[in-house]
Amino acid sequence: MTNFAQSVLLVLMGAGATGVVGAAGFFLKRRLTRAAPDAVDKFIEHHQKLLAVEADSTVPRSKEDQERLGSVIRELHPGLTYQNTMNVQEPALCEAEIRMRAAQEADAAMLAVRQKVEQLEYRLNAEQQAVLAEAQSAWERHADLQARLAALAFEGGTIMPTIYHTERLVLAQERAVAVQRVLDSFML
């Protein structure tokens, strides 16, 4: 067999193998998509639609509808409230400064949670400490992923990092309250 024929044969075999792997990947993805739709994409799409309602609507909304929509958006994205508050309180701040403050507040809240967890650790036996360490690690991973998910609704926008940090801040504040309740129960 000539070199040319061998080359053609190898190219055809490579193309065939690529086609088989590609088809298998396509059918596998299709099956997984049908069995478990991507919740993250649906979540982001829902929030983008919610945020676009005001821009797309041709019918003027009542004051009550506007307040209700604003309330839902603020509840879903506390970073919007944070940014608006900063803009009112300190109008000279630029986006980067607001973002930096949000990051500092989130980091301080995460540190406060870690300190409370450390206080709780002293009241536990070794087995309980190991479980607490694992739970705290899982919670920190959850907080990061939840904050990233919330920020994805603003992907490409300058507010995206502020949304991320304020989501971390809110989650850390909630975690601090929960850990404090456990700490308080040990003091009874």
N, C-alpha and C. Protein backbone atom coordinates (compact mmCIF):
# COMPACT_ATOMS: atom_id res chain seq x y z
N MET A 1 0.85 -1.16 0.00
CA MET A 1 0.00 0.00 0.00
C MET A 1 0.90 1.24 0.00
N THR A 2 0.56 2.23 -0.79
CA THR A 2 1.38 3.43 -0.93
C THR A 2 1.16 4.35 0.26
N ASN A 3 2.06 5.29 0.42
CA ASN A 3 1.94 6.27 1.51
C ASN A 3 0.65 7.08 1.38
N PHE A 4 0.30 7.41 0.15
CA PHE A 4 -0.92 8.18 -0.08
C PHE A 4 -2.15 7.38 0.36
N ALA A 5 -2.19 6.14 -0.01
CA ALA A 5 -3.32 5.28 0.35
C ALA A 5 -3.39 5.11 1.87
N GLN A 6 -2.23 4.95 2.50
CA GLN A 6 -2.22 4.83 3.97
C GLN A 6 -2.72 6.11 4.62
N SER A 7 -2.30 7.25 4.10
CA SER A 7 -2.74 8.53 4.65
C SER A 7 -4.25 8.69 4.51
N VAL A 8 -4.78 8.35 3.34
CA VAL A 8 -6.21 8.45 3.10
C VAL A 8 -6.96 7.52 4.05
N LEU A 9 -6.46 6.31 4.20
CA LEU A 9 -7.09 5.34 5.09
C LEU A 9 -7.09 5.85 6.54
N LEU A 10 -5.97 6.42 7.00
CA LEU A 10 -5.90 6.96 8.36
C LEU A 10 -6.86 8.13 8.55
N VAL A 11 -6.96 9.00 7.54
CA VAL A 11 -7.87 10.13 7.63
C VAL A 11 -9.31 9.64 7.72
N LEU A 12 -9.66 8.66 6.89
CA LEU A 12 -11.02 8.11 6.91
C LEU A 12 -11.32 7.43 8.24
N MET A 13 -10.34 6.70 8.77
CA MET A 13 -10.54 6.04 10.06
C MET A 13 -10.70 7.09 11.17
N GLY A 14 -9.90 8.15 11.13
CA GLY A 14 -9.99 9.22 12.12
C GLY A 14 -11.34 9.92 12.04
N ALA A 15 -11.79 10.19 10.80
CA ALA A 15 -13.08 10.85 10.61
C ALA A 15 -14.21 9.95 11.12
N GLY A 16 -14.11 8.67 10.83
CA GLY A 16 -15.13 7.73 11.29
C GLY A 16 -15.17 7.66 12.81
N ALA A 17 -14.00 7.59 13.43
CA ALA A 17 -13.93 7.53 14.89
C ALA A 17 -14.49 8.83 15.50
N THR A 18 -14.14 9.96 14.90
CA THR A 18 -14.65 11.24 15.38
C THR A 18 -16.17 11.29 15.27
N GLY A 19 -16.69 10.80 14.16
CA GLY A 19 -18.14 10.77 13.96
C GLY A 19 -18.84 9.90 14.98
N VAL A 20 -18.27 8.74 15.28
CA VAL A 20 -18.87 7.83 16.25
C VAL A 20 -18.86 8.47 17.64
N VAL A 21 -17.71 9.05 18.03
CA VAL A 21 -17.61 9.69 19.35
C VAL A 21 -18.56 10.89 19.43
N GLY A 22 -18.61 11.68 18.36
CA GLY A 22 -19.50 12.84 18.33
C GLY A 22 -20.96 12.42 18.45
N ALA A 23 -21.34 11.39 17.73
CA ALA A 23 -22.73 10.91 17.78
C ALA A 23 -23.05 10.38 19.18
N ALA A 24 -22.12 9.64 19.76
CA ALA A 24 -22.35 9.12 21.12
C ALA A 24 -22.52 10.28 22.10
N GLY A 25 -21.67 11.30 21.98
CA GLY A 25 -21.78 12.47 22.85
C GLY A 25 -23.10 13.19 22.65
N PHE A 26 -23.53 13.33 21.41
CA PHE A 26 -24.80 14.00 21.10
C PHE A 26 -25.97 13.27 21.75
N PHE A 27 -26.03 11.95 21.55
CA PHE A 27 -27.14 11.19 22.11
C PHE A 27 -27.10 11.15 23.65
N LEU A 28 -25.90 11.08 24.21
CA LEU A 28 -25.76 11.09 25.65
C LEU A 28 -26.23 12.43 26.21
N LYS A 29 -25.80 13.53 25.60
CA LYS A 29 -26.23 14.85 26.06
C LYS A 29 -27.74 15.00 25.92
N ARG A 30 -28.27 14.53 24.80
CA ARG A 30 -29.72 14.63 24.57
C ARG A 30 -30.49 13.86 25.63
N ARG A 31 -29.99 12.67 25.95
CA ARG A 31 -30.67 11.86 26.96
C ARG A 31 -30.59 12.51 28.33
N LEU A 32 -29.41 13.02 28.70
CA LEU A 32 -29.25 13.67 29.99
C LEU A 32 -30.09 14.94 30.07
N THR A 33 -30.16 15.69 28.98
CA THR A 33 -30.94 16.92 28.95
C THR A 33 -32.41 16.60 29.14
N ARG A 34 -32.88 15.54 28.48
CA ARG A 34 -34.27 15.16 28.62
C ARG A 34 -34.57 14.68 30.03
N ALA A 35 -33.63 13.95 30.62
CA ALA A 35 -33.85 13.38 31.95
C ALA A 35 -33.72 14.44 33.05
N ALA A 36 -32.77 15.36 32.90
CA ALA A 36 -32.55 16.38 33.94
C ALA A 36 -32.23 17.70 33.28
N PRO A 37 -33.23 18.54 33.00
CA PRO A 37 -32.97 19.82 32.35
C PRO A 37 -32.03 20.67 33.19
N ASP A 38 -31.27 21.50 32.55
CA ASP A 38 -30.28 22.31 33.23
C ASP A 38 -30.96 23.41 34.05
N ALA A 39 -31.00 23.19 35.34
CA ALA A 39 -31.69 24.12 36.23
C ALA A 39 -31.02 25.48 36.26
N VAL A 40 -29.71 25.49 36.12
CA VAL A 40 -28.99 26.77 36.15
C VAL A 40 -29.42 27.64 34.98
N ASP A 41 -29.48 27.08 33.78
CA ASP A 41 -29.91 27.85 32.61
C ASP A 41 -31.34 28.35 32.78
N LYS A 42 -32.20 27.52 33.33
CA LYS A 42 -33.58 27.94 33.56
C LYS A 42 -33.65 29.06 34.59
N PHE A 43 -32.85 28.94 35.63
CA PHE A 43 -32.80 29.97 36.68
C PHE A 43 -32.36 31.30 36.08
N ILE A 44 -31.29 31.27 35.31
CA ILE A 44 -30.76 32.49 34.70
C ILE A 44 -31.77 33.07 33.71
N GLU A 45 -32.35 32.23 32.90
CA GLU A 45 -33.34 32.70 31.93
C GLU A 45 -34.52 33.36 32.63
N HIS A 46 -34.98 32.74 33.72
CA HIS A 46 -36.10 33.30 34.48
C HIS A 46 -35.77 34.70 35.00
N HIS A 47 -34.57 34.85 35.57
CA HIS A 47 -34.18 36.14 36.12
C HIS A 47 -33.96 37.18 35.03
N GLN A 48 -33.41 36.76 33.91
CA GLN A 48 -33.23 37.71 32.82
C GLN A 48 -34.57 38.20 32.30
N LYS A 49 -35.54 37.29 32.21
CA LYS A 49 -36.89 37.68 31.79
C LYS A 49 -37.51 38.64 32.80
N LEU A 50 -37.32 38.33 34.07
CA LEU A 50 -37.88 39.17 35.12
C LEU A 50 -37.28 40.58 35.05
N LEU A 51 -35.97 40.66 34.85
CA LEU A 51 -35.33 41.95 34.79
C LEU A 51 -35.66 42.70 33.50
N ALA A 52 -36.02 41.98 32.45
CA ALA A 52 -36.32 42.62 31.18
C ALA A 52 -37.79 43.03 31.06
N VAL A 53 -38.61 42.67 32.02
CA VAL A 53 -40.05 42.97 31.96
C VAL A 53 -40.28 44.45 31.74
N GLU A 54 -39.59 45.26 32.51
CA GLU A 54 -39.81 46.71 32.43
C GLU A 54 -39.44 47.24 31.05
N ALA A 55 -38.37 46.74 30.46
CA ALA A 55 -37.93 47.23 29.16
C ALA A 55 -38.85 46.78 28.03
N ASP A 56 -39.44 45.59 28.15
CA ASP A 56 -40.24 45.03 27.06
C ASP A 56 -41.72 45.41 27.12
N SER A 57 -42.19 45.87 28.24
CA SER A 57 -43.61 46.11 28.40
C SER A 57 -44.05 47.37 27.67
N THR A 58 -45.17 47.27 26.94
CA THR A 58 -45.74 48.43 26.25
C THR A 58 -46.92 49.00 27.04
N VAL A 59 -47.40 48.24 28.01
CA VAL A 59 -48.53 48.66 28.83
C VAL A 59 -47.98 49.29 30.11
N PRO A 60 -48.39 50.51 30.42
CA PRO A 60 -47.91 51.10 31.67
C PRO A 60 -48.43 50.32 32.88
N ARG A 61 -47.55 50.05 33.79
CA ARG A 61 -47.93 49.30 34.99
C ARG A 61 -48.41 50.25 36.08
N SER A 62 -49.22 49.71 36.93
CA SER A 62 -49.70 50.51 38.06
C SER A 62 -48.56 50.68 39.06
N LYS A 63 -48.71 51.62 39.95
CA LYS A 63 -47.70 51.86 40.98
C LYS A 63 -47.53 50.61 41.84
N GLU A 64 -48.64 49.92 42.11
CA GLU A 64 -48.59 48.70 42.91
C GLU A 64 -47.77 47.61 42.20
N ASP A 65 -48.00 47.46 40.89
CA ASP A 65 -47.23 46.47 40.11
C ASP A 65 -45.75 46.82 40.09
N GLN A 66 -45.44 48.09 39.95
CA GLN A 66 -44.04 48.51 39.94
C GLN A 66 -43.38 48.22 41.29
N GLU A 67 -44.08 48.50 42.37
CA GLU A 67 -43.54 48.22 43.70
C GLU A 67 -43.35 46.72 43.92
N ARG A 68 -44.33 45.94 43.47
CA ARG A 68 -44.23 44.48 43.63
C ARG A 68 -43.05 43.94 42.82
N LEU A 69 -42.89 44.37 41.58
CA LEU A 69 -41.77 43.93 40.76
C LEU A 69 -40.45 44.36 41.39
N GLY A 70 -40.39 45.60 41.85
CA GLY A 70 -39.17 46.07 42.50
C GLY A 70 -38.84 45.25 43.74
N SER A 71 -39.86 44.90 44.50
CA SER A 71 -39.66 44.10 45.71
C SER A 71 -39.12 42.71 45.36
N VAL A 72 -39.68 42.09 44.33
CA VAL A 72 -39.21 40.76 43.92
C VAL A 72 -37.77 40.82 43.46
N ILE A 73 -37.45 41.83 42.66
CA ILE A 73 -36.08 41.94 42.15
C ILE A 73 -35.11 42.19 43.30
N ARG A 74 -35.46 43.05 44.24
CA ARG A 74 -34.59 43.32 45.39
C ARG A 74 -34.40 42.08 46.26
N GLU A 75 -35.48 41.29 46.39
CA GLU A 75 -35.38 40.06 47.18
C GLU A 75 -34.46 39.05 46.49
N LEU A 76 -34.60 38.93 45.18
CA LEU A 76 -33.77 37.99 44.43
C LEU A 76 -32.31 38.44 44.35
N HIS A 77 -32.11 39.74 44.28
CA HIS A 77 -30.76 40.28 44.08
C HIS A 77 -30.49 41.43 45.05
N PRO A 78 -30.07 41.11 46.28
CA PRO A 78 -29.81 42.17 47.26
C PRO A 78 -28.71 43.13 46.80
N GLY A 79 -27.92 42.73 45.85
CA GLY A 79 -26.86 43.60 45.34
C GLY A 79 -27.41 44.84 44.67
N LEU A 80 -28.61 44.74 44.08
CA LEU A 80 -29.22 45.91 43.47
C LEU A 80 -29.57 46.94 44.53
N THR A 81 -30.12 46.48 45.64
CA THR A 81 -30.43 47.38 46.75
C THR A 81 -29.16 47.98 47.32
N TYR A 82 -28.14 47.15 47.45
CA TYR A 82 -26.85 47.62 47.97
C TYR A 82 -26.30 48.72 47.08
N GLN A 83 -26.29 48.48 45.78
CA GLN A 83 -25.75 49.46 44.84
C GLN A 83 -26.58 50.74 44.87
N ASN A 84 -27.89 50.62 44.87
CA ASN A 84 -28.74 51.81 44.91
C ASN A 84 -28.53 52.61 46.20
N THR A 85 -28.40 51.91 47.31
CA THR A 85 -28.15 52.57 48.59
C THR A 85 -26.82 53.32 48.56
N MET A 86 -25.80 52.67 48.03
CA MET A 86 -24.48 53.32 47.94
C MET A 86 -24.55 54.54 47.02
N ASN A 87 -25.29 54.43 45.93
CA ASN A 87 -25.42 55.56 45.00
C ASN A 87 -26.12 56.75 45.66
N VAL A 88 -27.08 56.47 46.54
CA VAL A 88 -27.81 57.55 47.22
C VAL A 88 -26.95 58.13 48.35
N GLN A 89 -26.35 57.26 49.14
CA GLN A 89 -25.58 57.73 50.30
C GLN A 89 -24.29 58.43 49.90
N GLU A 90 -23.62 57.88 48.89
CA GLU A 90 -22.35 58.43 48.45
C GLU A 90 -22.31 58.49 46.93
N PRO A 91 -22.95 59.49 46.34
CA PRO A 91 -23.07 59.56 44.88
C PRO A 91 -21.74 59.70 44.15
N ALA A 92 -20.69 60.09 44.84
CA ALA A 92 -19.39 60.26 44.18
C ALA A 92 -18.66 58.94 43.97
N LEU A 93 -19.16 57.85 44.57
CA LEU A 93 -18.49 56.55 44.43
C LEU A 93 -18.64 56.02 43.01
N CYS A 94 -17.56 55.48 42.49
CA CYS A 94 -17.65 54.83 41.17
C CYS A 94 -17.98 53.35 41.38
N GLU A 95 -18.27 52.67 40.29
CA GLU A 95 -18.64 51.25 40.34
C GLU A 95 -17.56 50.41 41.01
N ALA A 96 -16.30 50.69 40.72
CA ALA A 96 -15.20 49.91 41.29
C ALA A 96 -15.14 50.07 42.81
N GLU A 97 -15.41 51.27 43.31
CA GLU A 97 -15.40 51.50 44.76
C GLU A 97 -16.57 50.79 45.43
N ILE A 98 -17.72 50.81 44.80
CA ILE A 98 -18.89 50.10 45.34
C ILE A 98 -18.59 48.61 45.39
N ARG A 99 -18.03 48.11 44.31
CA ARG A 99 -17.66 46.68 44.24
C ARG A 99 -16.67 46.33 45.34
N MET A 100 -15.68 47.19 45.56
CA MET A 100 -14.67 46.93 46.57
C MET A 100 -15.29 46.92 47.97
N ARG A 101 -16.19 47.84 48.24
CA ARG A 101 -16.86 47.86 49.55
C ARG A 101 -17.71 46.61 49.75
N ALA A 102 -18.41 46.21 48.71
CA ALA A 102 -19.22 44.99 48.81
C ALA A 102 -18.33 43.79 49.11
N ALA A 103 -17.19 43.72 48.46
CA ALA A 103 -16.26 42.61 48.70
C ALA A 103 -15.72 42.65 50.12
N GLN A 104 -15.39 43.84 50.61
CA GLN A 104 -14.88 43.96 51.98
C GLN A 104 -15.94 43.55 53.00
N GLU A 105 -17.17 43.97 52.79
CA GLU A 105 -18.24 43.61 53.71
C GLU A 105 -18.52 42.11 53.68
N ALA A 106 -18.48 41.53 52.49
CA ALA A 106 -18.70 40.08 52.37
C ALA A 106 -17.58 39.31 53.05
N ASP A 107 -16.34 39.74 52.84
CA ASP A 107 -15.20 39.07 53.47
C ASP A 107 -15.28 39.18 54.99
N ALA A 108 -15.69 40.36 55.49
CA ALA A 108 -15.82 40.54 56.94
C ALA A 108 -16.92 39.63 57.49
N ALA A 109 -18.02 39.50 56.77
CA ALA A 109 -19.11 38.63 57.21
C ALA A 109 -18.67 37.16 57.19
N MET A 110 -17.92 36.77 56.17
CA MET A 110 -17.43 35.38 56.11
C MET A 110 -16.46 35.11 57.27
N LEU A 111 -15.63 36.10 57.60
CA LEU A 111 -14.71 35.96 58.73
C LEU A 111 -15.49 35.81 60.03
N ALA A 112 -16.55 36.60 60.19
CA ALA A 112 -17.38 36.50 61.40
C ALA A 112 -18.00 35.11 61.52
N VAL A 113 -18.42 34.54 60.40
CA VAL A 113 -18.98 33.18 60.43
C VAL A 113 -17.91 32.20 60.88
N ARG A 114 -16.71 32.32 60.31
CA ARG A 114 -15.62 31.40 60.68
C ARG A 114 -15.28 31.52 62.17
N GLN A 115 -15.34 32.74 62.70
CA GLN A 115 -15.06 32.93 64.13
C GLN A 115 -16.14 32.27 64.99
N LYS A 116 -17.39 32.39 64.58
CA LYS A 116 -18.47 31.75 65.33
C LYS A 116 -18.33 30.22 65.27
N VAL A 117 -17.97 29.72 64.09
CA VAL A 117 -17.76 28.27 63.95
C VAL A 117 -16.61 27.82 64.85
N GLU A 118 -15.57 28.63 64.92
CA GLU A 118 -14.45 28.30 65.79
C GLU A 118 -14.88 28.28 67.26
N GLN A 119 -15.71 29.23 67.67
CA GLN A 119 -16.23 29.25 69.03
C GLN A 119 -17.04 27.97 69.31
N LEU A 120 -17.83 27.59 68.33
CA LEU A 120 -18.64 26.39 68.48
C LEU A 120 -17.77 25.14 68.57
N GLU A 121 -16.69 25.13 67.82
CA GLU A 121 -15.78 23.99 67.79
C GLU A 121 -15.27 23.64 69.20
N TYR A 122 -15.00 24.66 70.00
CA TYR A 122 -14.47 24.44 71.35
C TYR A 122 -15.45 23.71 72.26
N ARG A 123 -16.71 23.73 71.90
CA ARG A 123 -17.73 23.09 72.74
C ARG A 123 -18.07 21.66 72.28
N LEU A 124 -17.39 21.20 71.25
CA LEU A 124 -17.72 19.89 70.66
C LEU A 124 -16.62 18.87 70.91
N ASN A 125 -17.00 17.58 70.84
CA ASN A 125 -15.99 16.54 70.92
C ASN A 125 -15.34 16.37 69.54
N ALA A 126 -14.36 15.52 69.44
CA ALA A 126 -13.57 15.38 68.21
C ALA A 126 -14.43 14.96 67.02
N GLU A 127 -15.34 14.02 67.23
CA GLU A 127 -16.20 13.56 66.13
C GLU A 127 -17.11 14.69 65.66
N GLN A 128 -17.68 15.40 66.60
CA GLN A 128 -18.56 16.53 66.25
C GLN A 128 -17.77 17.64 65.53
N GLN A 129 -16.54 17.85 65.96
CA GLN A 129 -15.69 18.85 65.31
C GLN A 129 -15.44 18.50 63.85
N ALA A 130 -15.21 17.22 63.59
CA ALA A 130 -14.97 16.78 62.21
C ALA A 130 -16.21 17.00 61.35
N VAL A 131 -17.37 16.69 61.90
CA VAL A 131 -18.63 16.90 61.17
C VAL A 131 -18.84 18.39 60.93
N LEU A 132 -18.58 19.21 61.93
CA LEU A 132 -18.74 20.66 61.79
C LEU A 132 -17.79 21.20 60.72
N ALA A 133 -16.55 20.74 60.71
CA ALA A 133 -15.58 21.20 59.71
C ALA A 133 -16.05 20.84 58.30
N GLU A 134 -16.57 19.63 58.15
CA GLU A 134 -17.07 19.20 56.85
C GLU A 134 -18.30 20.01 56.44
N ALA A 135 -19.19 20.26 57.39
CA ALA A 135 -20.40 21.04 57.11
C ALA A 135 -20.03 22.48 56.73
N GLN A 136 -19.07 23.06 57.45
CA GLN A 136 -18.66 24.43 57.15
C GLN A 136 -18.01 24.53 55.77
N SER A 137 -17.22 23.55 55.45
CA SER A 137 -16.59 23.52 54.12
C SER A 137 -17.64 23.42 53.02
N ALA A 138 -18.62 22.55 53.23
CA ALA A 138 -19.70 22.40 52.26
C ALA A 138 -20.53 23.68 52.17
N TRP A 139 -20.76 24.34 53.29
CA TRP A 139 -21.53 25.59 53.27
C TRP A 139 -20.77 26.67 52.51
N GLU A 140 -19.46 26.78 52.74
CA GLU A 140 -18.67 27.79 52.03
C GLU A 140 -18.69 27.55 50.53
N ARG A 141 -18.64 26.30 50.13
CA ARG A 141 -18.73 25.97 48.70
C ARG A 141 -20.12 26.36 48.17
N HIS A 142 -21.16 26.04 48.94
CA HIS A 142 -22.52 26.40 48.55
C HIS A 142 -22.66 27.92 48.42
N ALA A 143 -22.12 28.67 49.38
CA ALA A 143 -22.24 30.13 49.36
C ALA A 143 -21.57 30.70 48.11
N ASP A 144 -20.41 30.17 47.77
CA ASP A 144 -19.71 30.65 46.57
C ASP A 144 -20.51 30.33 45.31
N LEU A 145 -21.01 29.10 45.21
CA LEU A 145 -21.78 28.72 44.02
C LEU A 145 -23.09 29.49 43.92
N GLN A 146 -23.75 29.70 45.04
CA GLN A 146 -25.01 30.45 45.04
C GLN A 146 -24.76 31.89 44.62
N ALA A 147 -23.68 32.48 45.10
CA ALA A 147 -23.34 33.85 44.73
C ALA A 147 -23.00 33.94 43.24
N ARG A 148 -22.27 32.95 42.75
CA ARG A 148 -21.95 32.95 41.31
C ARG A 148 -23.21 32.80 40.47
N LEU A 149 -24.13 31.96 40.93
CA LEU A 149 -25.38 31.77 40.20
C LEU A 149 -26.19 33.06 40.15
N ALA A 150 -26.29 33.74 41.27
CA ALA A 150 -27.03 35.01 41.31
C ALA A 150 -26.38 36.04 40.39
N ALA A 151 -25.06 36.08 40.36
CA ALA A 151 -24.34 37.06 39.55
C ALA A 151 -24.45 36.76 38.06
N LEU A 152 -24.66 35.50 37.71
CA LEU A 152 -24.75 35.14 36.29
C LEU A 152 -25.91 35.82 35.58
N ALA A 153 -26.94 36.19 36.31
CA ALA A 153 -28.07 36.89 35.70
C ALA A 153 -27.64 38.26 35.17
N PHE A 154 -26.48 38.74 35.62
CA PHE A 154 -25.97 40.05 35.21
C PHE A 154 -24.66 39.92 34.43
N GLU A 155 -24.45 38.74 33.86
CA GLU A 155 -23.20 38.47 33.16
C GLU A 155 -22.90 39.54 32.12
N GLY A 156 -21.68 40.03 32.16
CA GLY A 156 -21.25 41.06 31.22
C GLY A 156 -21.50 42.46 31.71
N GLY A 157 -22.30 42.62 32.76
CA GLY A 157 -22.61 43.94 33.31
C GLY A 157 -21.61 44.33 34.39
N THR A 158 -21.45 45.62 34.59
CA THR A 158 -20.50 46.08 35.60
C THR A 158 -20.96 45.78 37.02
N ILE A 159 -22.25 45.51 37.19
CA ILE A 159 -22.77 45.22 38.53
C ILE A 159 -22.56 43.75 38.93
N MET A 160 -22.16 42.92 37.99
CA MET A 160 -22.03 41.48 38.26
C MET A 160 -21.19 41.18 39.51
N PRO A 161 -19.99 41.77 39.68
CA PRO A 161 -19.22 41.47 40.90
C PRO A 161 -19.91 41.95 42.18
N THR A 162 -20.61 43.08 42.10
CA THR A 162 -21.32 43.58 43.28
C THR A 162 -22.42 42.61 43.67
N ILE A 163 -23.12 42.07 42.69
CA ILE A 163 -24.17 41.07 42.96
C ILE A 163 -23.54 39.85 43.63
N TYR A 164 -22.41 39.40 43.11
CA TYR A 164 -21.71 38.24 43.68
C TYR A 164 -21.38 38.49 45.16
N HIS A 165 -20.75 39.62 45.44
CA HIS A 165 -20.30 39.89 46.80
C HIS A 165 -21.46 40.12 47.77
N THR A 166 -22.50 40.80 47.33
CA THR A 166 -23.62 41.03 48.23
C THR A 166 -24.39 39.74 48.50
N GLU A 167 -24.43 38.85 47.52
CA GLU A 167 -25.06 37.54 47.76
C GLU A 167 -24.27 36.78 48.82
N ARG A 168 -22.94 36.82 48.73
CA ARG A 168 -22.09 36.19 49.76
C ARG A 168 -22.33 36.83 51.12
N LEU A 169 -22.48 38.16 51.13
CA LEU A 169 -22.73 38.88 52.37
C LEU A 169 -24.03 38.42 53.03
N VAL A 170 -25.09 38.35 52.26
CA VAL A 170 -26.40 37.94 52.80
C VAL A 170 -26.34 36.50 53.30
N LEU A 171 -25.72 35.62 52.52
CA LEU A 171 -25.61 34.22 52.94
C LEU A 171 -24.78 34.10 54.22
N ALA A 172 -23.71 34.87 54.32
CA ALA A 172 -22.87 34.82 55.52
C ALA A 172 -23.63 35.33 56.74
N GLN A 173 -24.42 36.38 56.55
CA GLN A 173 -25.22 36.90 57.67
C GLN A 173 -26.23 35.86 58.14
N GLU A 174 -26.85 35.16 57.21
CA GLU A 174 -27.81 34.11 57.57
C GLU A 174 -27.10 32.96 58.29
N ARG A 175 -25.92 32.59 57.80
CA ARG A 175 -25.15 31.50 58.42
C ARG A 175 -24.72 31.90 59.84
N ALA A 176 -24.32 33.15 60.00
CA ALA A 176 -23.90 33.61 61.33
C ALA A 176 -25.05 33.49 62.33
N VAL A 177 -26.25 33.82 61.92
CA VAL A 177 -27.42 33.70 62.80
C VAL A 177 -27.65 32.23 63.16
N ALA A 178 -27.54 31.35 62.17
CA ALA A 178 -27.77 29.92 62.42
C ALA A 178 -26.71 29.35 63.37
N VAL A 179 -25.46 29.70 63.16
CA VAL A 179 -24.39 29.19 64.02
C VAL A 179 -24.55 29.77 65.43
N GLN A 180 -24.95 31.03 65.53
CA GLN A 180 -25.16 31.65 66.84
C GLN A 180 -26.27 30.94 67.61
N ARG A 181 -27.33 30.50 66.91
CA ARG A 181 -28.41 29.75 67.58
C ARG A 181 -27.86 28.47 68.19
N VAL A 182 -27.00 27.79 67.45
CA VAL A 182 -26.40 26.55 67.98
C VAL A 182 -25.51 26.88 69.17
N LEU A 183 -24.71 27.94 69.04
CA LEU A 183 -23.86 28.36 70.16
C LEU A 183 -24.70 28.67 71.40
N ASP A 184 -25.79 29.38 71.21
CA ASP A 184 -26.67 29.74 72.32
C ASP A 184 -27.26 28.50 72.99
N SER A 185 -27.55 27.48 72.19
CA SER A 185 -28.12 26.26 72.77
C SER A 185 -27.12 25.53 73.66
N PHE A 186 -25.82 25.72 73.40
CA PHE A 186 -24.79 25.10 74.25
C PHE A 186 -24.63 25.87 75.56
N MET A 187 -25.07 27.11 75.59
CA MET A 187 -24.90 27.93 76.79
C MET A 187 -26.06 27.77 77.76
N LEU A 188 -27.09 27.05 77.38
CA LEU A 188 -28.25 26.86 78.26
C LEU A 188 -27.94 25.94 79.40
